[in-house]
Protein backbone atom coordinates (compact mmCIF):
# COMPACT_ATOMS: atom_id res chain seq x y z
CA UNK A 1 89.55 67.82 102.61
CA UNK A 2 91.38 67.22 99.33
CA UNK A 3 89.79 70.20 97.64
CA UNK A 4 90.93 72.41 100.54
CA UNK A 5 94.52 71.31 99.96
CA UNK A 6 94.24 72.15 96.26
CA UNK A 7 92.75 75.55 97.06
CA UNK A 8 95.56 76.22 99.56
CA UNK A 9 98.17 75.36 96.91
CA UNK A 10 96.50 77.70 94.42
CA UNK A 11 96.32 80.48 97.01
CA UNK A 12 100.03 80.15 97.80
CA UNK A 13 100.88 80.69 94.15
CA UNK A 14 98.44 83.62 93.98
CA UNK A 15 99.97 85.31 97.04
CA UNK A 16 103.49 84.83 95.71
CA UNK A 17 102.43 86.31 92.38
CA UNK A 18 101.05 89.34 94.21
CA UNK A 19 104.34 89.62 96.09
CA UNK A 20 106.18 89.80 92.76
CA UNK A 21 103.78 92.44 91.40
CA UNK A 22 104.14 94.55 94.55
CA UNK A 23 107.94 94.23 94.33
CA UNK A 24 107.89 95.43 90.71
CA UNK A 25 105.57 98.35 91.49
CA UNK A 26 107.73 99.44 94.42
CA UNK A 27 110.75 99.75 92.14
CA UNK A 28 109.03 102.72 90.47
CA UNK A 29 109.07 104.73 93.71
CA UNK A 30 112.27 106.75 93.94
CA UNK A 31 114.26 107.00 97.17
CA UNK A 32 112.46 104.08 98.78
CA UNK A 33 114.13 102.86 101.98
CA UNK A 34 114.68 99.15 101.30
CA UNK A 35 116.00 98.74 104.86
CA UNK A 36 112.44 98.96 106.17
CA UNK A 37 111.65 95.44 107.52
CA UNK A 38 108.43 95.08 105.52
CA UNK A 39 109.99 96.30 102.28
CA UNK A 40 113.04 94.12 102.90
CA UNK A 41 110.76 91.10 103.34
CA UNK A 42 108.96 91.88 100.07
CA UNK A 43 112.23 92.47 98.22
CA UNK A 44 114.03 89.40 99.56
CA UNK A 45 111.01 87.14 99.11
CA UNK A 46 110.45 88.12 95.49
CA UNK A 47 114.10 88.44 94.47
CA UNK A 48 114.86 84.81 95.33
CA UNK A 49 112.67 83.79 92.40
CA UNK A 50 113.22 86.81 90.14
CA UNK A 51 117.00 86.52 90.25
CA UNK A 52 116.74 83.15 88.51
CA UNK A 53 115.30 84.91 85.47
CA UNK A 54 117.45 88.04 85.63
CA UNK A 55 120.50 85.84 85.02
CA UNK A 56 119.16 84.74 81.62
CA UNK A 57 116.96 87.61 80.43
CA UNK A 58 118.85 90.87 79.91
CA UNK A 59 117.00 94.21 80.21
CA UNK A 60 115.62 95.68 76.99
CA UNK A 61 116.67 99.31 77.25
CA UNK A 62 115.33 100.62 80.54
CA UNK A 63 112.81 97.76 80.84
CA UNK A 64 113.38 94.55 82.76
CA UNK A 65 111.19 91.87 81.20
CA UNK A 66 112.27 89.11 83.57
CA UNK A 67 109.35 89.65 86.02
CA UNK A 68 106.84 89.07 83.22
CA UNK A 69 108.55 85.85 82.20
CA UNK A 70 108.81 84.83 85.86
CA UNK A 71 105.06 85.38 86.32
CA UNK A 72 104.26 83.32 83.23
CA UNK A 73 106.44 80.47 84.49
CA UNK A 74 104.88 80.76 87.96
CA UNK A 75 101.35 80.46 86.59
CA UNK A 76 102.40 77.60 84.32
CA UNK A 77 103.90 75.74 87.30
CA UNK A 78 100.78 76.50 89.34
CA UNK A 79 98.56 74.90 86.73
CA UNK A 80 100.77 71.84 86.45
CA UNK A 81 100.96 71.33 90.22
CA UNK A 82 97.22 71.82 90.71
CA UNK A 83 96.34 69.43 87.89
CA UNK A 84 98.81 66.90 89.27
CA UNK A 85 97.28 67.25 92.75
CA UNK A 86 93.78 66.78 91.33
CA UNK A 87 94.97 63.69 89.45
CA UNK A 88 96.62 62.21 92.56
CA UNK A 89 93.60 62.88 94.75
CA UNK A 90 91.28 61.42 92.10
CA UNK A 91 93.42 58.29 91.84
CA UNK A 92 93.30 57.82 95.62
CA UNK A 93 89.56 58.36 95.69
CA UNK A 94 89.68 61.56 97.72
CA UNK A 95 87.97 63.48 94.89
CA UNK A 96 85.10 62.00 92.96
């Protein structure tokens, strides 16, 4: 049971990371209709997190490096949260 919770946490981070990658790739397509409900969901879901980094990391020429930093922070947080969950479950005896 405990390992399933840890896997679910890891998968949530993985899916959100994919959402960010898809959002970044879609910005390369010109004349994309961002009013499409699916594209709007992708954009709004990713931009909540990406906007935190865009405030502090200015673009370098035509390149926006904030998504790369955001992904690094996301994977760092994922590792911390998973290791913390493993520690908590081990302390409670749910994982041996």
